[in-house]
């Protein structure tokens, strides 16, 4: 089985142009399925998707969707999302106006010789060790997609790493305005 391609967090240097959409939706059953179904029916590609309750109001959830703008014009994606009945607001966050973060967790098998190297690598990346046993360490990094990419590349030198990334979450930087809002 071929491993999936890694998510390319630094979109400035990639040939694919990404957009970050922050979508406020009603927190109801089936809303995420309708959003995903809309993307599938239209052939739009989703690079990353993260969902959580919005602020302290359990009536709404915030969906952060990183979309491939090459698969369809942004206006078409936003227009189709806006037609969904449970969508309350859509904001297009440009990379320079967005504060983006992602979570990476990796369990790395280590022996006495590699333990120190992993600890140094984690410290250099700003990662934390969140679980330890005699044969492995679990590393956590909450950072920019680029920082997560760099740590993931560094961990490739260790065998049998079990790694998971959440995908991006993003909010507008303070004092900046969104580039598009419905």
C-alpha atoms as a PDB file:
ATOM      1  CA  UNK A   1       0.000   0.000   0.000  1.00  0.00           C
ATOM      2  CA  UNK A   2       1.392   3.398  -0.982  1.00  0.00           C
ATOM      3  CA  UNK A   3       1.389   5.899   1.884  1.00  0.00           C
ATOM      4  CA  UNK A   4      -0.724   9.016   1.284  1.00  0.00           C
ATOM      5  CA  UNK A   5       1.020  12.156   0.138  1.00  0.00           C
ATOM      6  CA  UNK A   6       1.809  14.503   3.025  1.00  0.00           C
ATOM      7  CA  UNK A   7      -0.142  17.726   3.349  1.00  0.00           C
ATOM      8  CA  UNK A   8       2.020  20.557   2.069  1.00  0.00           C
ATOM      9  CA  UNK A   9       1.582  23.206   4.748  1.00  0.00           C
ATOM     10  CA  UNK A  10       3.618  25.989   3.149  1.00  0.00           C
ATOM     11  CA  UNK A  11       1.411  26.854   0.190  1.00  0.00           C
ATOM     12  CA  UNK A  12       3.496  29.804  -0.993  1.00  0.00           C
ATOM     13  CA  UNK A  13       6.047  27.534  -2.677  1.00  0.00           C
ATOM     14  CA  UNK A  14       3.726  24.851  -4.022  1.00  0.00           C
ATOM     15  CA  UNK A  15       2.245  24.852  -7.516  1.00  0.00           C
ATOM     16  CA  UNK A  16      -1.253  24.347  -6.077  1.00  0.00           C
ATOM     17  CA  UNK A  17      -2.944  27.442  -4.717  1.00  0.00           C
ATOM     18  CA  UNK A  18      -4.862  26.903  -1.496  1.00  0.00           C
ATOM     19  CA  UNK A  19      -7.540  28.963   0.157  1.00  0.00           C
ATOM     20  CA  UNK A  20      -8.529  28.780   3.791  1.00  0.00           C
ATOM     21  CA  UNK A  21     -12.269  29.004   4.346  1.00  0.00           C
ATOM     22  CA  UNK A  22     -13.616  29.512   7.841  1.00  0.00           C
ATOM     23  CA  UNK A  23     -17.242  28.426   7.761  1.00  0.00           C
ATOM     24  CA  UNK A  24     -19.616  29.014  10.664  1.00  0.00           C
ATOM     25  CA  UNK A  25     -22.397  26.421  10.611  1.00  0.00           C
ATOM     26  CA  UNK A  26     -25.310  25.362  12.782  1.00  0.00           C
ATOM     27  CA  UNK A  27     -24.203  22.510  15.029  1.00  0.00           C
ATOM     28  CA  UNK A  28     -26.695  19.924  13.769  1.00  0.00           C
ATOM     29  CA  UNK A  29     -26.478  16.311  12.661  1.00  0.00           C
ATOM     30  CA  UNK A  30     -25.612  15.868   8.995  1.00  0.00           C
ATOM     31  CA  UNK A  31     -24.148  19.339   8.341  1.00  0.00           C
ATOM     32  CA  UNK A  32     -20.605  18.061   7.827  1.00  0.00           C
ATOM     33  CA  UNK A  33     -21.904  15.278   5.562  1.00  0.00           C
ATOM     34  CA  UNK A  34     -23.731  17.866   3.427  1.00  0.00           C
ATOM     35  CA  UNK A  35     -20.574  19.993   3.150  1.00  0.00           C
ATOM     36  CA  UNK A  36     -18.407  16.999   2.221  1.00  0.00           C
ATOM     37  CA  UNK A  37     -21.070  15.778  -0.205  1.00  0.00           C
ATOM     38  CA  UNK A  38     -21.182  19.166  -1.931  1.00  0.00           C
ATOM     39  CA  UNK A  39     -17.407  19.046  -2.439  1.00  0.00           C
ATOM     40  CA  UNK A  40     -17.574  15.468  -3.749  1.00  0.00           C
ATOM     41  CA  UNK A  41     -20.454  16.161  -6.175  1.00  0.00           C
ATOM     42  CA  UNK A  42     -18.700  19.190  -7.633  1.00  0.00           C
ATOM     43  CA  UNK A  43     -15.280  17.518  -7.813  1.00  0.00           C
ATOM     44  CA  UNK A  44     -13.693  20.116  -5.502  1.00  0.00           C
ATOM     45  CA  UNK A  45     -10.618  18.924  -3.637  1.00  0.00           C
ATOM     46  CA  UNK A  46     -10.299  19.345   0.141  1.00  0.00           C
ATOM     47  CA  UNK A  47      -6.720  19.419   1.428  1.00  0.00           C
ATOM     48  CA  UNK A  48      -7.596  19.785   5.093  1.00  0.00           C
ATOM     49  CA  UNK A  49     -10.749  19.824   7.175  1.00  0.00           C
ATOM     50  CA  UNK A  50     -11.157  20.580  10.881  1.00  0.00           C
ATOM     51  CA  UNK A  51     -14.394  21.021  12.830  1.00  0.00           C
ATOM     52  CA  UNK A  52     -15.104  22.046  16.428  1.00  0.00           C
ATOM     53  CA  UNK A  53     -17.773  23.884  18.393  1.00  0.00           C
ATOM     54  CA  UNK A  54     -17.450  27.644  17.920  1.00  0.00           C
ATOM     55  CA  UNK A  55     -16.599  29.761  20.920  1.00  0.00           C
ATOM     56  CA  UNK A  56     -18.822  29.034  23.913  1.00  0.00           C
ATOM     57  CA  UNK A  57     -22.041  28.776  21.902  1.00  0.00           C
ATOM     58  CA  UNK A  58     -22.824  25.097  21.323  1.00  0.00           C
ATOM     59  CA  UNK A  59     -25.395  26.050  18.667  1.00  0.00           C
ATOM     60  CA  UNK A  60     -22.621  26.689  16.131  1.00  0.00           C
ATOM     61  CA  UNK A  61     -19.494  24.946  14.883  1.00  0.00           C
ATOM     62  CA  UNK A  62     -16.554  26.384  12.992  1.00  0.00           C
ATOM     63  CA  UNK A  63     -15.354  24.364   9.993  1.00  0.00           C
ATOM     64  CA  UNK A  64     -11.907  25.229   8.656  1.00  0.00           C
ATOM     65  CA  UNK A  65     -11.552  23.968   5.095  1.00  0.00           C
ATOM     66  CA  UNK A  66      -8.341  24.273   3.093  1.00  0.00           C
ATOM     67  CA  UNK A  67      -9.381  23.996  -0.551  1.00  0.00           C
ATOM     68  CA  UNK A  68      -7.508  23.621  -3.816  1.00  0.00           C
ATOM     69  CA  UNK A  69      -8.375  26.739  -5.791  1.00  0.00           C
ATOM     70  CA  UNK A  70      -7.150  25.041  -8.971  1.00  0.00           C
ATOM     71  CA  UNK A  71      -9.979  22.461  -8.821  1.00  0.00           C
ATOM     72  CA  UNK A  72     -12.630  25.195  -9.021  1.00  0.00           C
ATOM     73  CA  UNK A  73     -12.825  28.987  -8.799  1.00  0.00           C
ATOM     74  CA  UNK A  74     -13.072  30.201  -5.206  1.00  0.00           C
ATOM     75  CA  UNK A  75     -16.260  32.120  -6.005  1.00  0.00           C
ATOM     76  CA  UNK A  76     -17.908  28.881  -7.160  1.00  0.00           C
ATOM     77  CA  UNK A  77     -16.877  27.031  -3.983  1.00  0.00           C
ATOM     78  CA  UNK A  78     -18.124  29.861  -1.761  1.00  0.00           C
ATOM     79  CA  UNK A  79     -21.359  30.143  -3.761  1.00  0.00           C
ATOM     80  CA  UNK A  80     -22.088  26.430  -3.426  1.00  0.00           C
ATOM     81  CA  UNK A  81     -21.306  26.465   0.309  1.00  0.00           C
ATOM     82  CA  UNK A  82     -23.542  29.505   0.781  1.00  0.00           C
ATOM     83  CA  UNK A  83     -26.503  27.586  -0.697  1.00  0.00           C
ATOM     84  CA  UNK A  84     -26.331  25.016   2.124  1.00  0.00           C
ATOM     85  CA  UNK A  85     -29.093  25.822   4.588  1.00  0.00           C
ATOM     86  CA  UNK A  86     -27.047  25.319   7.790  1.00  0.00           C
ATOM     87  CA  UNK A  87     -24.175  27.594   6.711  1.00  0.00           C
ATOM     88  CA  UNK A  88     -24.279  30.861   8.672  1.00  0.00           C
ATOM     89  CA  UNK A  89     -21.124  32.659   7.466  1.00  0.00           C
ATOM     90  CA  UNK A  90     -18.166  32.015   5.157  1.00  0.00           C
ATOM     91  CA  UNK A  91     -14.851  33.811   5.460  1.00  0.00           C
ATOM     92  CA  UNK A  92     -11.946  33.427   3.022  1.00  0.00           C
ATOM     93  CA  UNK A  93      -8.735  33.886   5.001  1.00  0.00           C
ATOM     94  CA  UNK A  94      -5.710  34.878   2.950  1.00  0.00           C
ATOM     95  CA  UNK A  95      -2.464  33.360   4.315  1.00  0.00           C
ATOM     96  CA  UNK A  96      -1.004  36.764   5.247  1.00  0.00           C
ATOM     97  CA  UNK A  97      -4.171  37.686   7.180  1.00  0.00           C
ATOM     98  CA  UNK A  98      -4.667  34.317   8.907  1.00  0.00           C
ATOM     99  CA  UNK A  99      -3.239  32.778  12.028  1.00  0.00           C
ATOM    100  CA  UNK A 100      -2.899  29.064  11.166  1.00  0.00           C
ATOM    101  CA  UNK A 101      -2.058  26.158  13.449  1.00  0.00           C
ATOM    102  CA  UNK A 102      -1.986  22.388  13.200  1.00  0.00           C
ATOM    103  CA  UNK A 103      -1.388  19.564  15.667  1.00  0.00           C
ATOM    104  CA  UNK A 104       1.084  16.749  15.023  1.00  0.00           C
ATOM    105  CA  UNK A 105       1.352  13.663  17.238  1.00  0.00           C
ATOM    106  CA  UNK A 106       4.009  11.027  16.570  1.00  0.00           C
ATOM    107  CA  UNK A 107       4.927   7.888  18.479  1.00  0.00           C
ATOM    108  CA  UNK A 108       8.550   7.061  17.777  1.00  0.00           C
ATOM    109  CA  UNK A 109      10.172   3.768  18.751  1.00  0.00           C
ATOM    110  CA  UNK A 110      13.560   4.512  20.349  1.00  0.00           C
ATOM    111  CA  UNK A 111      16.479   2.683  21.879  1.00  0.00           C
ATOM    112  CA  UNK A 112      19.198   4.082  24.135  1.00  0.00           C
ATOM    113  CA  UNK A 113      21.164   5.353  21.138  1.00  0.00           C
ATOM    114  CA  UNK A 114      18.278   7.173  19.423  1.00  0.00           C
ATOM    115  CA  UNK A 115      16.429   8.515  22.507  1.00  0.00           C
ATOM    116  CA  UNK A 116      18.772  11.503  22.958  1.00  0.00           C
ATOM    117  CA  UNK A 117      18.648  12.344  19.239  1.00  0.00           C
ATOM    118  CA  UNK A 118      14.812  12.376  19.349  1.00  0.00           C
ATOM    119  CA  UNK A 119      14.764  14.523  22.494  1.00  0.00           C
ATOM    120  CA  UNK A 120      17.121  17.043  20.843  1.00  0.00           C
ATOM    121  CA  UNK A 121      15.043  17.051  17.656  1.00  0.00           C
ATOM    122  CA  UNK A 122      11.803  17.626  19.607  1.00  0.00           C
ATOM    123  CA  UNK A 123      13.344  20.449  21.661  1.00  0.00           C
ATOM    124  CA  UNK A 124      14.702  22.113  18.518  1.00  0.00           C
ATOM    125  CA  UNK A 125      11.273  21.973  16.870  1.00  0.00           C
ATOM    126  CA  UNK A 126       9.453  23.315  19.933  1.00  0.00           C
ATOM    127  CA  UNK A 127       7.664  19.986  20.386  1.00  0.00           C
ATOM    128  CA  UNK A 128       6.752  18.386  23.698  1.00  0.00           C
ATOM    129  CA  UNK A 129       7.141  14.818  24.853  1.00  0.00           C
ATOM    130  CA  UNK A 130       3.651  13.788  25.993  1.00  0.00           C
ATOM    131  CA  UNK A 131       4.053  10.051  26.625  1.00  0.00           C
ATOM    132  CA  UNK A 132       7.010   7.814  27.435  1.00  0.00           C
ATOM    133  CA  UNK A 133       7.699   4.152  27.906  1.00  0.00           C
ATOM    134  CA  UNK A 134      10.868   2.106  27.691  1.00  0.00           C
ATOM    135  CA  UNK A 135      10.626   1.532  23.957  1.00  0.00           C
ATOM    136  CA  UNK A 136       8.961   4.678  22.548  1.00  0.00           C
ATOM    137  CA  UNK A 137       8.238   8.382  23.005  1.00  0.00           C
ATOM    138  CA  UNK A 138       5.185  10.308  21.816  1.00  0.00           C
ATOM    139  CA  UNK A 139       5.958  13.785  20.522  1.00  0.00           C
ATOM    140  CA  UNK A 140       3.402  16.610  20.144  1.00  0.00           C
ATOM    141  CA  UNK A 141       3.784  19.817  18.183  1.00  0.00           C
ATOM    142  CA  UNK A 142       1.101  22.479  17.923  1.00  0.00           C
ATOM    143  CA  UNK A 143       2.450  24.916  15.372  1.00  0.00           C
ATOM    144  CA  UNK A 144       2.293  26.311  11.894  1.00  0.00           C
ATOM    145  CA  UNK A 145       1.780  23.876   9.037  1.00  0.00           C
ATOM    146  CA  UNK A 146       5.362  24.595   7.952  1.00  0.00           C
ATOM    147  CA  UNK A 147       6.719  23.709  11.406  1.00  0.00           C
ATOM    148  CA  UNK A 148       4.726  20.467  11.373  1.00  0.00           C
ATOM    149  CA  UNK A 149       6.047  19.690   7.881  1.00  0.00           C
ATOM    150  CA  UNK A 150       9.624  20.237   9.067  1.00  0.00           C
ATOM    151  CA  UNK A 151       9.195  17.993  12.112  1.00  0.00           C
ATOM    152  CA  UNK A 152       7.541  15.306   9.999  1.00  0.00           C
ATOM    153  CA  UNK A 153      10.494  15.362   7.574  1.00  0.00           C
ATOM    154  CA  UNK A 154      12.931  15.132  10.503  1.00  0.00           C
ATOM    155  CA  UNK A 155      11.120  12.095  11.913  1.00  0.00           C
ATOM    156  CA  UNK A 156      11.572  10.216   8.614  1.00  0.00           C
ATOM    157  CA  UNK A 157      15.047   9.175   9.827  1.00  0.00           C
ATOM    158  CA  UNK A 158      13.422   7.061  12.579  1.00  0.00           C
ATOM    159  CA  UNK A 159      11.935   3.679  11.641  1.00  0.00           C
ATOM    160  CA  UNK A 160       8.287   2.737  12.233  1.00  0.00           C
ATOM    161  CA  UNK A 161       6.989   6.163  13.277  1.00  0.00           C
ATOM    162  CA  UNK A 162       3.234   6.309  13.863  1.00  0.00           C
ATOM    163  CA  UNK A 163       2.226   9.861  12.937  1.00  0.00           C
ATOM    164  CA  UNK A 164      -1.036  11.776  12.786  1.00  0.00           C
ATOM    165  CA  UNK A 165      -1.819  15.409  11.892  1.00  0.00           C
ATOM    166  CA  UNK A 166      -5.066  17.233  12.490  1.00  0.00           C
ATOM    167  CA  UNK A 167      -5.155  19.573   9.531  1.00  0.00           C
ATOM    168  CA  UNK A 168      -5.268  23.342   9.798  1.00  0.00           C
ATOM    169  CA  UNK A 169      -7.364  25.547  11.972  1.00  0.00           C
ATOM    170  CA  UNK A 170      -7.270  29.265  11.283  1.00  0.00           C
ATOM    171  CA  UNK A 171      -8.659  32.580  12.433  1.00  0.00           C
ATOM    172  CA  UNK A 172      -8.143  36.093  11.090  1.00  0.00           C
ATOM    173  CA  UNK A 173      -5.176  37.946  12.587  1.00  0.00           C
ATOM    174  CA  UNK A 174      -6.228  40.689  14.962  1.00  0.00           C
ATOM    175  CA  UNK A 175      -6.717  43.995  13.199  1.00  0.00           C
ATOM    176  CA  UNK A 176      -7.043  42.388   9.763  1.00  0.00           C
ATOM    177  CA  UNK A 177     -10.166  42.014   7.680  1.00  0.00           C
ATOM    178  CA  UNK A 178     -11.199  38.904   5.831  1.00  0.00           C
ATOM    179  CA  UNK A 179     -10.879  38.916   2.050  1.00  0.00           C
ATOM    180  CA  UNK A 180     -14.404  37.597   1.500  1.00  0.00           C
ATOM    181  CA  UNK A 181     -17.393  37.183   3.744  1.00  0.00           C
ATOM    182  CA  UNK A 182     -20.890  36.009   2.950  1.00  0.00           C
END
